Amino acid sequence: MTDDGAFTYNGGRVDPGETQNIRYGISETYLGDPIRIPVTIINGEQPGPTAFLSAAAHGDELNGIEVVREVAHEWDLSDLAGTLVCLPVLNVPGFLAQQRYLPIYDRDLNRSFPGREDSTSAKRMANRIYTNFIAPCDFGLDFHTSTRGRTNMLHVRADMADAAVHRLALAFGTNVVLDTEGSDGTLRREASKDGVPTITIEMGEAHRFQRGLIDEALAGVESVFAEYTMLNTPTVRWPGWRTIITSDQQKTWIRSDVGGIVDMHHDRGALVHEGDVICTITNPFKNDDTTVSAPFTGLMVGLLENPVVYPGNPLCHLVELGGRTKRVVERQQRSTR
């Protein structure tokens, strides 16, 4: 931000009270045509923090796209204090192909940040995004879904040892926060290291809009804006219960030891107890059943959607719950039956 409150990027300027919709060039196709990402920048008339909302770093992860679009184009932002940088589709080539990775040599854009202007195609794209629209911000929300064939309950991933990231993660108001630094090259890890606290929001599955999850995520964005006094919104959201899953707690992807067709017995977000049968795997003739049981009591944060597996394929992502939280979740799930 400049001294007069303008948001600047290479090739443009957005003054206080101004909104711009731009298509920003980050690379070129084999034919030399521009690859451009859509960006909406809303600079409020009142001073405040600068925040980015990003989605579709993986091109087939669509839920977050609708979250970012609705904030940018449907919310009343006339009283915005600060600046919003809305990036609904980071991975445009992947989005056009409806695949997770960049079609160019199958690179993962979300392992390429902060990028480098003289490196691979993925890192050059990442560098242009990062330098112009991420680095100038004060914090960020990066929206993701599970990969193809799986689904996630709404949860946050954040480095809770970082006080600024901790504040942001709690402000979003999800039941579950997975306390991890993130892999090298991920947007949230690299931005947080550079002083732009960022969290990942995981929600649902690839290749679709899931309205319930989108609405929950929008409530989380509203809660963050309340925490940072960017809008006159209700108070910071309390989700009813919360657990922060640390490295001391058990968490694992339970994997199949056999190939077959899966009958999953629980939904995402379900609490299962040690020894409960999570799923049954059968062959095409249904004459050879294999049951898979929970190795500990925990929450099914992620699970298989595509009901076929090879040996070694993941079935569900189980995270351990502490005693008090477990009792709260048990009461809640009993009351909703």
C-alpha atoms as a PDB file:
ATOM      1  CA  MET A   1       0.000   0.000   0.000  1.00  0.00           C
ATOM      2  CA  THR A   2       1.181   3.534  -0.748  1.00  0.00           C
ATOM      3  CA  ASP A   3       1.168   6.386   1.773  1.00  0.00           C
ATOM      4  CA  ASP A   4      -2.110   7.675   0.325  1.00  0.00           C
ATOM      5  CA  GLY A   5      -3.814   4.297   0.817  1.00  0.00           C
ATOM      6  CA  ALA A   6      -3.677   3.085  -2.784  1.00  0.00           C
ATOM      7  CA  PHE A   7      -3.131  -0.594  -3.583  1.00  0.00           C
ATOM      8  CA  THR A   8      -0.548  -0.939  -6.329  1.00  0.00           C
ATOM      9  CA  TYR A   9       0.577  -3.847  -8.459  1.00  0.00           C
ATOM     10  CA  ASN A  10       2.810  -4.078 -11.500  1.00  0.00           C
ATOM     11  CA  GLY A  11       0.774  -2.244 -14.083  1.00  0.00           C
ATOM     12  CA  GLY A  12      -1.996  -0.828 -11.935  1.00  0.00           C
ATOM     13  CA  ARG A  13      -3.250   1.174  -8.989  1.00  0.00           C
ATOM     14  CA  VAL A  14      -6.501   1.017  -7.005  1.00  0.00           C
ATOM     15  CA  ASP A  15      -7.242   4.128  -4.957  1.00  0.00           C
ATOM     16  CA  PRO A  16      -9.380   4.285  -1.773  1.00  0.00           C
ATOM     17  CA  GLY A  17     -13.072   4.032  -2.647  1.00  0.00           C
ATOM     18  CA  GLU A  18     -12.323   2.286  -5.962  1.00  0.00           C
ATOM     19  CA  THR A  19     -13.016  -1.266  -7.184  1.00  0.00           C
ATOM     20  CA  GLN A  20     -11.275  -2.877 -10.147  1.00  0.00           C
ATOM     21  CA  ASN A  21     -11.932  -6.147 -11.961  1.00  0.00           C
ATOM     22  CA  ILE A  22      -8.822  -7.103 -13.897  1.00  0.00           C
ATOM     23  CA  ARG A  23      -7.427 -10.055 -15.814  1.00  0.00           C
ATOM     24  CA  TYR A  24      -3.767 -10.160 -14.916  1.00  0.00           C
ATOM     25  CA  GLY A  25      -1.266 -11.875 -17.205  1.00  0.00           C
ATOM     26  CA  ILE A  26       0.921 -14.456 -15.466  1.00  0.00           C
ATOM     27  CA  SER A  27       2.181 -16.535 -18.415  1.00  0.00           C
ATOM     28  CA  GLU A  28       1.575 -17.478 -22.049  1.00  0.00           C
ATOM     29  CA  THR A  29       0.206 -20.501 -23.885  1.00  0.00           C
ATOM     30  CA  TYR A  30       2.059 -22.555 -26.501  1.00  0.00           C
ATOM     31  CA  LEU A  31       0.584 -20.161 -29.087  1.00  0.00           C
ATOM     32  CA  GLY A  32       1.873 -17.098 -27.277  1.00  0.00           C
ATOM     33  CA  ASP A  33      -1.575 -16.039 -26.065  1.00  0.00           C
ATOM     34  CA  PRO A  34      -1.758 -14.612 -22.527  1.00  0.00           C
ATOM     35  CA  ILE A  35      -2.709 -16.733 -19.522  1.00  0.00           C
ATOM     36  CA  ARG A  36      -4.568 -14.306 -17.277  1.00  0.00           C
ATOM     37  CA  ILE A  37      -6.057 -14.747 -13.814  1.00  0.00           C
ATOM     38  CA  PRO A  38      -9.191 -12.876 -12.699  1.00  0.00           C
ATOM     39  CA  VAL A  39      -8.594 -10.466  -9.829  1.00  0.00           C
ATOM     40  CA  THR A  40     -11.031  -8.150  -8.063  1.00  0.00           C
ATOM     41  CA  ILE A  41      -9.545  -5.469  -5.822  1.00  0.00           C
ATOM     42  CA  ILE A  42     -11.867  -3.524  -3.523  1.00  0.00           C
ATOM     43  CA  ASN A  43     -10.150  -0.639  -1.752  1.00  0.00           C
ATOM     44  CA  GLY A  44     -12.374   0.743   0.989  1.00  0.00           C
ATOM     45  CA  GLU A  45     -12.712   4.428   1.715  1.00  0.00           C
ATOM     46  CA  GLN A  46     -11.732   3.802   5.337  1.00  0.00           C
ATOM     47  CA  PRO A  47      -8.227   2.646   6.308  1.00  0.00           C
ATOM     48  CA  GLY A  48      -7.748  -0.899   7.510  1.00  0.00           C
ATOM     49  CA  PRO A  49      -5.899  -4.134   6.796  1.00  0.00           C
ATOM     50  CA  THR A  50      -5.317  -5.580   3.353  1.00  0.00           C
ATOM     51  CA  ALA A  51      -6.540  -9.161   2.989  1.00  0.00           C
ATOM     52  CA  PHE A  52      -6.476 -11.661   0.147  1.00  0.00           C
ATOM     53  CA  LEU A  53      -9.014 -14.397  -0.543  1.00  0.00           C
ATOM     54  CA  SER A  54      -7.758 -17.066  -2.959  1.00  0.00           C
ATOM     55  CA  ALA A  55      -9.154 -20.260  -4.448  1.00  0.00           C
ATOM     56  CA  ALA A  56      -8.478 -22.905  -7.085  1.00  0.00           C
ATOM     57  CA  ALA A  57      -4.730 -23.147  -6.673  1.00  0.00           C
ATOM     58  CA  HIS A  58      -5.727 -26.658  -7.690  1.00  0.00           C
ATOM     59  CA  GLY A  59      -7.835 -26.221 -10.796  1.00  0.00           C
ATOM     60  CA  ASP A  60     -10.579 -28.721  -9.954  1.00  0.00           C
ATOM     61  CA  GLU A  61     -11.277 -27.364  -6.437  1.00  0.00           C
ATOM     62  CA  LEU A  62     -14.400 -25.307  -7.042  1.00  0.00           C
ATOM     63  CA  ASN A  63     -16.143 -24.595  -3.709  1.00  0.00           C
ATOM     64  CA  GLY A  64     -13.747 -21.804  -2.801  1.00  0.00           C
ATOM     65  CA  ILE A  65     -14.282 -20.091  -6.148  1.00  0.00           C
ATOM     66  CA  GLU A  66     -17.889 -19.379  -5.215  1.00  0.00           C
ATOM     67  CA  VAL A  67     -16.906 -18.159  -1.743  1.00  0.00           C
ATOM     68  CA  VAL A  68     -14.475 -15.614  -3.198  1.00  0.00           C
ATOM     69  CA  ARG A  69     -16.885 -14.518  -5.955  1.00  0.00           C
ATOM     70  CA  GLU A  70     -19.764 -13.966  -3.543  1.00  0.00           C
ATOM     71  CA  VAL A  71     -17.668 -11.862  -1.185  1.00  0.00           C
ATOM     72  CA  ALA A  72     -16.328  -9.773  -4.073  1.00  0.00           C
ATOM     73  CA  HIS A  73     -19.527  -9.305  -6.049  1.00  0.00           C
ATOM     74  CA  GLU A  74     -22.550  -9.946  -3.816  1.00  0.00           C
ATOM     75  CA  TRP A  75     -21.599  -8.582  -0.406  1.00  0.00           C
ATOM     76  CA  ASP A  76     -22.222  -4.951   0.494  1.00  0.00           C
ATOM     77  CA  LEU A  77     -18.665  -3.652   0.862  1.00  0.00           C
ATOM     78  CA  SER A  78     -19.533   0.042   0.845  1.00  0.00           C
ATOM     79  CA  ASP A  79     -18.349   0.384   4.461  1.00  0.00           C
ATOM     80  CA  LEU A  80     -15.210  -1.723   4.001  1.00  0.00           C
ATOM     81  CA  ALA A  81     -12.308  -0.583   6.176  1.00  0.00           C
ATOM     82  CA  GLY A  82      -9.218  -1.741   4.339  1.00  0.00           C
ATOM     83  CA  THR A  83      -8.637  -3.554   1.075  1.00  0.00           C
ATOM     84  CA  LEU A  84      -9.730  -6.916  -0.309  1.00  0.00           C
ATOM     85  CA  VAL A  85      -7.756  -8.725  -3.004  1.00  0.00           C
ATOM     86  CA  CYS A  86     -10.027 -11.462  -4.390  1.00  0.00           C
ATOM     87  CA  LEU A  87      -8.390 -14.209  -6.472  1.00  0.00           C
ATOM     88  CA  PRO A  88     -11.093 -16.769  -7.310  1.00  0.00           C
ATOM     89  CA  VAL A  89      -9.036 -18.846  -9.775  1.00  0.00           C
ATOM     90  CA  LEU A  90      -5.272 -18.980  -9.234  1.00  0.00           C
ATOM     91  CA  ASN A  91      -4.633 -21.974 -11.494  1.00  0.00           C
ATOM     92  CA  VAL A  92      -6.347 -20.903 -14.706  1.00  0.00           C
ATOM     93  CA  PRO A  93      -4.783 -23.618 -16.943  1.00  0.00           C
ATOM     94  CA  GLY A  94      -5.821 -26.322 -14.464  1.00  0.00           C
ATOM     95  CA  PHE A  95      -9.293 -24.798 -14.147  1.00  0.00           C
ATOM     96  CA  LEU A  96      -9.790 -24.788 -17.910  1.00  0.00           C
ATOM     97  CA  ALA A  97      -8.715 -28.438 -18.089  1.00  0.00           C
ATOM     98  CA  GLN A  98     -10.667 -29.245 -14.891  1.00  0.00           C
ATOM     99  CA  GLN A  99      -7.676 -30.960 -13.365  1.00  0.00           C
ATOM    100  CA  ARG A 100      -5.735 -30.497 -10.140  1.00  0.00           C
ATOM    101  CA  TYR A 101      -2.319 -29.567 -11.469  1.00  0.00           C
ATOM    102  CA  LEU A 102      -1.023 -27.236 -14.133  1.00  0.00           C
ATOM    103  CA  PRO A 103      -1.257 -29.124 -17.465  1.00  0.00           C
ATOM    104  CA  ILE A 104       2.224 -27.759 -18.193  1.00  0.00           C
ATOM    105  CA  TYR A 105       4.421 -30.693 -17.125  1.00  0.00           C
ATOM    106  CA  ASP A 106       1.839 -31.610 -14.452  1.00  0.00           C
ATOM    107  CA  ARG A 107       3.251 -29.112 -11.937  1.00  0.00           C
ATOM    108  CA  ASP A 108       1.560 -28.314  -8.616  1.00  0.00           C
ATOM    109  CA  LEU A 109       1.069 -24.555  -8.377  1.00  0.00           C
ATOM    110  CA  ASN A 110       0.553 -24.935  -4.618  1.00  0.00           C
ATOM    111  CA  ARG A 111       4.075 -26.268  -4.193  1.00  0.00           C
ATOM    112  CA  SER A 112       5.622 -23.443  -6.216  1.00  0.00           C
ATOM    113  CA  PHE A 113       5.256 -20.341  -4.012  1.00  0.00           C
ATOM    114  CA  PRO A 114       6.721 -17.782  -3.613  1.00  0.00           C
ATOM    115  CA  GLY A 115       8.045 -18.638  -7.046  1.00  0.00           C
ATOM    116  CA  ARG A 116      10.938 -17.276  -9.058  1.00  0.00           C
ATOM    117  CA  GLU A 117      10.881 -15.175 -12.188  1.00  0.00           C
ATOM    118  CA  ASP A 118      13.720 -17.129 -13.867  1.00  0.00           C
ATOM    119  CA  SER A 119      12.629 -20.679 -12.970  1.00  0.00           C
ATOM    120  CA  THR A 120      10.030 -23.228 -14.145  1.00  0.00           C
ATOM    121  CA  SER A 121       6.721 -22.214 -15.681  1.00  0.00           C
ATOM    122  CA  ALA A 122       4.912 -22.996 -12.403  1.00  0.00           C
ATOM    123  CA  LYS A 123       7.321 -20.923 -10.333  1.00  0.00           C
ATOM    124  CA  ARG A 124       7.123 -18.013 -12.768  1.00  0.00           C
ATOM    125  CA  MET A 125       3.325 -18.018 -12.487  1.00  0.00           C
ATOM    126  CA  ALA A 126       3.527 -18.304  -8.712  1.00  0.00           C
ATOM    127  CA  ASN A 127       6.002 -15.441  -8.553  1.00  0.00           C
ATOM    128  CA  ARG A 128       3.762 -13.063 -10.492  1.00  0.00           C
ATOM    129  CA  ILE A 129       0.765 -13.932  -8.323  1.00  0.00           C
ATOM    130  CA  TYR A 130       2.738 -13.749  -5.091  1.00  0.00           C
ATOM    131  CA  THR A 131       4.666 -10.552  -5.765  1.00  0.00           C
ATOM    132  CA  ASN A 132       1.703  -8.546  -6.996  1.00  0.00           C
ATOM    133  CA  PHE A 133      -1.220  -9.767  -4.919  1.00  0.00           C
ATOM    134  CA  ILE A 134      -0.039 -11.766  -1.877  1.00  0.00           C
ATOM    135  CA  ALA A 135       3.060 -10.019  -0.536  1.00  0.00           C
ATOM    136  CA  PRO A 136       1.335  -6.592  -0.155  1.00  0.00           C
ATOM    137  CA  CYS A 137      -1.344  -8.076   2.142  1.00  0.00           C
ATOM    138  CA  ASP A 138      -1.649  -8.258   5.931  1.00  0.00           C
ATOM    139  CA  PHE A 139      -3.311 -11.693   6.017  1.00  0.00           C
ATOM    140  CA  GLY A 140      -4.976 -14.219   3.732  1.00  0.00           C
ATOM    141  CA  LEU A 141      -7.532 -17.014   3.421  1.00  0.00           C
ATOM    142  CA  ASP A 142      -6.725 -19.756   0.893  1.00  0.00           C
ATOM    143  CA  PHE A 143      -9.662 -22.040   0.009  1.00  0.00           C
ATOM    144  CA  HIS A 144      -9.262 -25.687  -0.991  1.00  0.00           C
ATOM    145  CA  THR A 145     -11.223 -28.931  -1.262  1.00  0.00           C
ATOM    146  CA  SER A 146     -10.145 -32.511  -1.030  1.00  0.00           C
ATOM    147  CA  THR A 147      -8.680 -34.145  -4.089  1.00  0.00           C
ATOM    148  CA  ARG A 148     -10.811 -36.053  -6.623  1.00  0.00           C
ATOM    149  CA  GLY A 149     -12.704 -39.019  -5.141  1.00  0.00           C
ATOM    150  CA  ARG A 150     -12.490 -37.795  -1.523  1.00  0.00           C
ATOM    151  CA  THR A 151     -14.261 -35.229   0.635  1.00  0.00           C
ATOM    152  CA  ASN A 152     -13.344 -33.093   3.665  1.00  0.00           C
ATOM    153  CA  MET A 153     -15.438 -31.621   6.443  1.00  0.00           C
ATOM    154  CA  LEU A 154     -14.968 -27.875   6.742  1.00  0.00           C
ATOM    155  CA  HIS A 155     -11.792 -27.273   8.714  1.00  0.00           C
ATOM    156  CA  VAL A 156      -8.772 -24.990   8.927  1.00  0.00           C
ATOM    157  CA  ARG A 157      -5.110 -25.875   8.517  1.00  0.00           C
ATOM    158  CA  ALA A 158      -2.728 -23.448  10.190  1.00  0.00           C
ATOM    159  CA  ASP A 159       0.629 -23.115  11.912  1.00  0.00           C
ATOM    160  CA  MET A 160      -0.699 -22.420  15.406  1.00  0.00           C
ATOM    161  CA  ALA A 161       2.793 -21.702  16.770  1.00  0.00           C
ATOM    162  CA  ASP A 162       2.658 -18.426  14.830  1.00  0.00           C
ATOM    163  CA  ALA A 163       0.634 -15.997  16.990  1.00  0.00           C
ATOM    164  CA  ALA A 164      -0.729 -14.031  14.029  1.00  0.00           C
ATOM    165  CA  VAL A 165      -1.783 -17.218  12.217  1.00  0.00           C
ATOM    166  CA  HIS A 166      -3.306 -18.520  15.482  1.00  0.00           C
ATOM    167  CA  ARG A 167      -5.480 -15.407  15.740  1.00  0.00           C
ATOM    168  CA  LEU A 168      -6.649 -15.757  12.142  1.00  0.00           C
ATOM    169  CA  ALA A 169      -7.403 -19.477  12.456  1.00  0.00           C
ATOM    170  CA  LEU A 170      -9.561 -19.017  15.556  1.00  0.00           C
ATOM    171  CA  ALA A 171     -11.343 -16.047  13.999  1.00  0.00           C
ATOM    172  CA  PHE A 172     -12.539 -18.183  11.073  1.00  0.00           C
ATOM    173  CA  GLY A 173     -14.502 -20.239  13.581  1.00  0.00           C
ATOM    174  CA  THR A 174     -14.355 -23.878  12.480  1.00  0.00           C
ATOM    175  CA  ASN A 175     -14.791 -26.852  14.809  1.00  0.00           C
ATOM    176  CA  VAL A 176     -11.480 -28.385  13.751  1.00  0.00           C
ATOM    177  CA  VAL A 177      -8.082 -26.778  13.271  1.00  0.00           C
ATOM    178  CA  LEU A 178      -5.214 -28.991  12.098  1.00  0.00           C
ATOM    179  CA  ASP A 179      -2.018 -27.515  13.511  1.00  0.00           C
ATOM    180  CA  THR A 180       0.597 -27.955  10.777  1.00  0.00           C
ATOM    181  CA  GLU A 181       3.198 -25.733   9.135  1.00  0.00           C
ATOM    182  CA  GLY A 182       2.242 -26.927   5.669  1.00  0.00           C
ATOM    183  CA  SER A 183       4.528 -28.256   2.975  1.00  0.00           C
ATOM    184  CA  ASP A 184       7.289 -26.207   1.385  1.00  0.00           C
ATOM    185  CA  GLY A 185       5.949 -24.136  -1.486  1.00  0.00           C
ATOM    186  CA  THR A 186       2.357 -23.979  -0.278  1.00  0.00           C
ATOM    187  CA  LEU A 187       0.812 -20.542  -0.372  1.00  0.00           C
ATOM    188  CA  ARG A 188      -0.057 -20.507   3.328  1.00  0.00           C
ATOM    189  CA  ARG A 189       3.370 -21.616   4.523  1.00  0.00           C
ATOM    190  CA  GLU A 190       5.375 -19.260   2.351  1.00  0.00           C
ATOM    191  CA  ALA A 191       3.113 -16.255   2.938  1.00  0.00           C
ATOM    192  CA  SER A 192       3.098 -16.824   6.700  1.00  0.00           C
ATOM    193  CA  LYS A 193       6.910 -17.093   6.715  1.00  0.00           C
ATOM    194  CA  ASP A 194       7.026 -13.728   4.926  1.00  0.00           C
ATOM    195  CA  GLY A 195       4.841 -12.006   7.522  1.00  0.00           C
ATOM    196  CA  VAL A 196       1.471 -12.434   5.778  1.00  0.00           C
ATOM    197  CA  PRO A 197      -0.376 -14.800   8.155  1.00  0.00           C
ATOM    198  CA  THR A 198      -2.401 -17.205   6.028  1.00  0.00           C
ATOM    199  CA  ILE A 199      -4.631 -20.190   6.688  1.00  0.00           C
ATOM    200  CA  THR A 200      -5.941 -22.942   4.448  1.00  0.00           C
ATOM    201  CA  ILE A 201      -9.655 -23.698   4.549  1.00  0.00           C
ATOM    202  CA  GLU A 202     -10.546 -27.234   3.440  1.00  0.00           C
ATOM    203  CA  MET A 203     -14.136 -27.837   2.398  1.00  0.00           C
ATOM    204  CA  GLY A 204     -15.843 -30.694   0.593  1.00  0.00           C
ATOM    205  CA  GLU A 205     -14.836 -32.313  -2.660  1.00  0.00           C
ATOM    206  CA  ALA A 206     -13.520 -31.408  -6.095  1.00  0.00           C
ATOM    207  CA  HIS A 207     -15.535 -30.760  -9.267  1.00  0.00           C
ATOM    208  CA  ARG A 208     -18.666 -29.312  -7.673  1.00  0.00           C
ATOM    209  CA  PHE A 209     -20.309 -26.509  -5.715  1.00  0.00           C
ATOM    210  CA  GLN A 210     -21.629 -27.640  -2.311  1.00  0.00           C
ATOM    211  CA  ARG A 211     -23.975 -24.925  -1.108  1.00  0.00           C
ATOM    212  CA  GLY A 212     -23.989 -25.860   2.569  1.00  0.00           C
ATOM    213  CA  LEU A 213     -20.207 -25.754   2.824  1.00  0.00           C
ATOM    214  CA  ILE A 214     -20.015 -22.535   0.812  1.00  0.00           C
ATOM    215  CA  ASP A 215     -22.437 -20.864   3.225  1.00  0.00           C
ATOM    216  CA  GLU A 216     -20.438 -22.088   6.233  1.00  0.00           C
ATOM    217  CA  ALA A 217     -17.233 -20.731   4.707  1.00  0.00           C
ATOM    218  CA  LEU A 218     -18.898 -17.377   4.018  1.00  0.00           C
ATOM    219  CA  ALA A 219     -19.841 -17.222   7.700  1.00  0.00           C
ATOM    220  CA  GLY A 220     -16.173 -17.838   8.478  1.00  0.00           C
ATOM    221  CA  VAL A 221     -15.088 -14.963   6.232  1.00  0.00           C
ATOM    222  CA  GLU A 222     -17.619 -12.697   7.925  1.00  0.00           C
ATOM    223  CA  SER A 223     -16.228 -13.737  11.305  1.00  0.00           C
ATOM    224  CA  VAL A 224     -12.673 -12.879  10.185  1.00  0.00           C
ATOM    225  CA  PHE A 225     -13.827  -9.451   9.007  1.00  0.00           C
ATOM    226  CA  ALA A 226     -15.379  -8.917  12.449  1.00  0.00           C
ATOM    227  CA  GLU A 227     -12.107  -9.881  14.162  1.00  0.00           C
ATOM    228  CA  TYR A 228     -10.135  -7.377  12.068  1.00  0.00           C
ATOM    229  CA  THR A 229     -12.901  -4.716  12.114  1.00  0.00           C
ATOM    230  CA  MET A 230     -13.070  -4.578   8.329  1.00  0.00           C
ATOM    231  CA  LEU A 231     -16.882  -4.553   8.208  1.00  0.00           C
ATOM    232  CA  ASN A 232     -19.706  -3.802  10.617  1.00  0.00           C
ATOM    233  CA  THR A 233     -20.505  -7.483  10.978  1.00  0.00           C
ATOM    234  CA  PRO A 234     -21.673  -9.588  13.933  1.00  0.00           C
ATOM    235  CA  THR A 235     -19.158 -10.685  16.529  1.00  0.00           C
ATOM    236  CA  VAL A 236     -16.488 -13.290  15.902  1.00  0.00           C
ATOM    237  CA  ARG A 237     -18.012 -16.689  15.313  1.00  0.00           C
ATOM    238  CA  TRP A 238     -17.983 -19.387  17.988  1.00  0.00           C
ATOM    239  CA  PRO A 239     -18.643 -22.780  16.365  1.00  0.00           C
ATOM    240  CA  GLY A 240     -20.056 -24.424  19.516  1.00  0.00           C
ATOM    241  CA  TRP A 241     -16.952 -26.507  20.119  1.00  0.00           C
ATOM    242  CA  ARG A 242     -13.425 -26.483  18.843  1.00  0.00           C
ATOM    243  CA  THR A 243     -10.481 -28.845  18.802  1.00  0.00           C
ATOM    244  CA  ILE A 244      -6.954 -27.980  17.713  1.00  0.00           C
ATOM    245  CA  ILE A 245      -5.247 -31.139  16.462  1.00  0.00           C
ATOM    246  CA  THR A 246      -1.568 -30.937  17.409  1.00  0.00           C
ATOM    247  CA  SER A 247       1.389 -33.188  16.688  1.00  0.00           C
ATOM    248  CA  ASP A 248       0.819 -34.855  20.093  1.00  0.00           C
ATOM    249  CA  GLN A 249      -2.560 -36.226  19.011  1.00  0.00           C
ATOM    250  CA  GLN A 250      -3.163 -39.242  16.856  1.00  0.00           C
ATOM    251  CA  LYS A 251      -4.129 -38.560  13.258  1.00  0.00           C
ATOM    252  CA  THR A 252      -3.859 -40.786  10.236  1.00  0.00           C
ATOM    253  CA  TRP A 253      -5.211 -41.667   6.828  1.00  0.00           C
ATOM    254  CA  ILE A 254      -6.562 -45.198   7.283  1.00  0.00           C
ATOM    255  CA  ARG A 255      -5.731 -47.201   4.175  1.00  0.00           C
ATOM    256  CA  SER A 256      -7.202 -50.292   2.630  1.00  0.00           C
ATOM    257  CA  ASP A 257      -5.241 -53.544   2.749  1.00  0.00           C
ATOM    258  CA  VAL A 258      -7.354 -55.104   0.001  1.00  0.00           C
ATOM    259  CA  GLY A 259      -8.848 -54.127  -3.324  1.00  0.00           C
ATOM    260  CA  GLY A 260     -12.594 -53.974  -3.784  1.00  0.00           C
ATOM    261  CA  ILE A 261     -15.813 -51.990  -3.538  1.00  0.00           C
ATOM    262  CA  VAL A 262     -16.301 -49.878  -0.420  1.00  0.00           C
ATOM    263  CA  ASP A 263     -19.454 -49.459   1.661  1.00  0.00           C
ATOM    264  CA  MET A 264     -18.703 -46.478   3.946  1.00  0.00           C
ATOM    265  CA  HIS A 265     -20.741 -46.601   7.166  1.00  0.00           C
ATOM    266  CA  HIS A 266     -20.255 -42.981   8.319  1.00  0.00           C
ATOM    267  CA  ASP A 267     -20.388 -39.481   6.854  1.00  0.00           C
ATOM    268  CA  ARG A 268     -17.665 -36.863   6.913  1.00  0.00           C
ATOM    269  CA  GLY A 269     -17.484 -35.176  10.300  1.00  0.00           C
ATOM    270  CA  ALA A 270     -18.766 -38.254  12.144  1.00  0.00           C
ATOM    271  CA  LEU A 271     -17.354 -39.280  15.508  1.00  0.00           C
ATOM    272  CA  VAL A 272     -16.311 -42.934  15.580  1.00  0.00           C
ATOM    273  CA  HIS A 273     -15.140 -44.867  18.611  1.00  0.00           C
ATOM    274  CA  GLU A 274     -12.208 -47.241  18.820  1.00  0.00           C
ATOM    275  CA  GLY A 275     -13.284 -50.553  17.299  1.00  0.00           C
ATOM    276  CA  ASP A 276     -16.251 -49.131  15.371  1.00  0.00           C
ATOM    277  CA  VAL A 277     -16.513 -50.466  11.827  1.00  0.00           C
ATOM    278  CA  ILE A 278     -15.738 -47.590   9.472  1.00  0.00           C
ATOM    279  CA  CYS A 279     -16.455 -49.414   6.235  1.00  0.00           C
ATOM    280  CA  THR A 280     -16.835 -52.800   4.593  1.00  0.00           C
ATOM    281  CA  ILE A 281     -14.931 -53.784   1.453  1.00  0.00           C
ATOM    282  CA  THR A 282     -16.296 -56.540  -0.790  1.00  0.00           C
ATOM    283  CA  ASN A 283     -15.483 -58.199  -4.098  1.00  0.00           C
ATOM    284  CA  PRO A 284     -17.923 -58.103  -7.043  1.00  0.00           C
ATOM    285  CA  PHE A 285     -19.667 -61.295  -5.831  1.00  0.00           C
ATOM    286  CA  LYS A 286     -20.127 -60.030  -2.236  1.00  0.00           C
ATOM    287  CA  ASN A 287     -18.800 -63.327  -0.922  1.00  0.00           C
ATOM    288  CA  ASP A 288     -15.627 -61.974   0.676  1.00  0.00           C
ATOM    289  CA  ASP A 289     -16.128 -59.117   3.160  1.00  0.00           C
ATOM    290  CA  THR A 290     -13.317 -57.179   4.811  1.00  0.00           C
ATOM    291  CA  THR A 291     -14.226 -54.797   7.628  1.00  0.00           C
ATOM    292  CA  VAL A 292     -12.087 -51.816   8.569  1.00  0.00           C
ATOM    293  CA  SER A 293     -12.305 -50.588  12.171  1.00  0.00           C
ATOM    294  CA  ALA A 294     -11.286 -47.358  13.871  1.00  0.00           C
ATOM    295  CA  PRO A 295      -7.890 -47.751  15.589  1.00  0.00           C
ATOM    296  CA  PHE A 296      -8.766 -44.972  18.054  1.00  0.00           C
ATOM    297  CA  THR A 297     -11.682 -42.689  18.896  1.00  0.00           C
ATOM    298  CA  GLY A 298     -11.762 -39.714  16.615  1.00  0.00           C
ATOM    299  CA  LEU A 299     -13.407 -37.495  14.047  1.00  0.00           C
ATOM    300  CA  MET A 300     -13.619 -38.415  10.363  1.00  0.00           C
ATOM    301  CA  VAL A 301     -12.254 -35.186   8.899  1.00  0.00           C
ATOM    302  CA  GLY A 302     -11.870 -36.636   5.418  1.00  0.00           C
ATOM    303  CA  LEU A 303     -13.164 -39.737   3.700  1.00  0.00           C
ATOM    304  CA  LEU A 304     -13.405 -41.631   0.443  1.00  0.00           C
ATOM    305  CA  GLU A 305     -16.200 -40.674  -1.968  1.00  0.00           C
ATOM    306  CA  ASN A 306     -15.296 -42.870  -4.943  1.00  0.00           C
ATOM    307  CA  PRO A 307     -16.244 -46.319  -3.590  1.00  0.00           C
ATOM    308  CA  VAL A 308     -13.482 -48.398  -5.211  1.00  0.00           C
ATOM    309  CA  VAL A 309      -9.982 -49.055  -3.887  1.00  0.00           C
ATOM    310  CA  TYR A 310      -6.705 -50.757  -4.577  1.00  0.00           C
ATOM    311  CA  PRO A 311      -4.623 -51.966  -1.629  1.00  0.00           C
ATOM    312  CA  GLY A 312      -3.024 -48.914  -0.075  1.00  0.00           C
ATOM    313  CA  ASN A 313      -5.701 -46.437  -1.157  1.00  0.00           C
ATOM    314  CA  PRO A 314      -6.921 -44.055   1.576  1.00  0.00           C
ATOM    315  CA  LEU A 315     -10.305 -44.655   3.171  1.00  0.00           C
ATOM    316  CA  CYS A 316     -10.639 -41.899   5.758  1.00  0.00           C
ATOM    317  CA  HIS A 317      -8.674 -39.227   7.593  1.00  0.00           C
ATOM    318  CA  LEU A 318      -9.183 -39.803  11.319  1.00  0.00           C
ATOM    319  CA  VAL A 319      -8.094 -37.322  14.010  1.00  0.00           C
ATOM    320  CA  GLU A 320      -8.135 -37.966  17.742  1.00  0.00           C
ATOM    321  CA  LEU A 321     -10.459 -35.991  20.023  1.00  0.00           C
ATOM    322  CA  GLY A 322      -9.700 -35.126  23.637  1.00  0.00           C
ATOM    323  CA  GLY A 323     -12.057 -36.307  26.367  1.00  0.00           C
ATOM    324  CA  ARG A 324     -13.962 -33.079  26.938  1.00  0.00           C
ATOM    325  CA  THR A 325     -14.371 -32.302  23.243  1.00  0.00           C
ATOM    326  CA  LYS A 326     -15.381 -35.903  22.583  1.00  0.00           C
ATOM    327  CA  ARG A 327     -18.204 -35.634  25.109  1.00  0.00           C
ATOM    328  CA  VAL A 328     -19.453 -32.381  23.564  1.00  0.00           C
ATOM    329  CA  VAL A 329     -19.438 -33.904  20.066  1.00  0.00           C
ATOM    330  CA  GLU A 330     -21.196 -37.057  21.332  1.00  0.00           C
ATOM    331  CA  ARG A 331     -23.980 -34.964  22.858  1.00  0.00           C
ATOM    332  CA  GLN A 332     -24.297 -32.889  19.695  1.00  0.00           C
ATOM    333  CA  GLN A 333     -24.465 -35.899  17.400  1.00  0.00           C
ATOM    334  CA  ARG A 334     -27.030 -37.640  19.633  1.00  0.00           C
ATOM    335  CA  SER A 335     -29.238 -34.532  19.555  1.00  0.00           C
ATOM    336  CA  THR A 336     -29.232 -34.423  15.733  1.00  0.00           C
ATOM    337  CA  ARG A 337     -30.226 -38.045  15.189  1.00  0.00           C
END
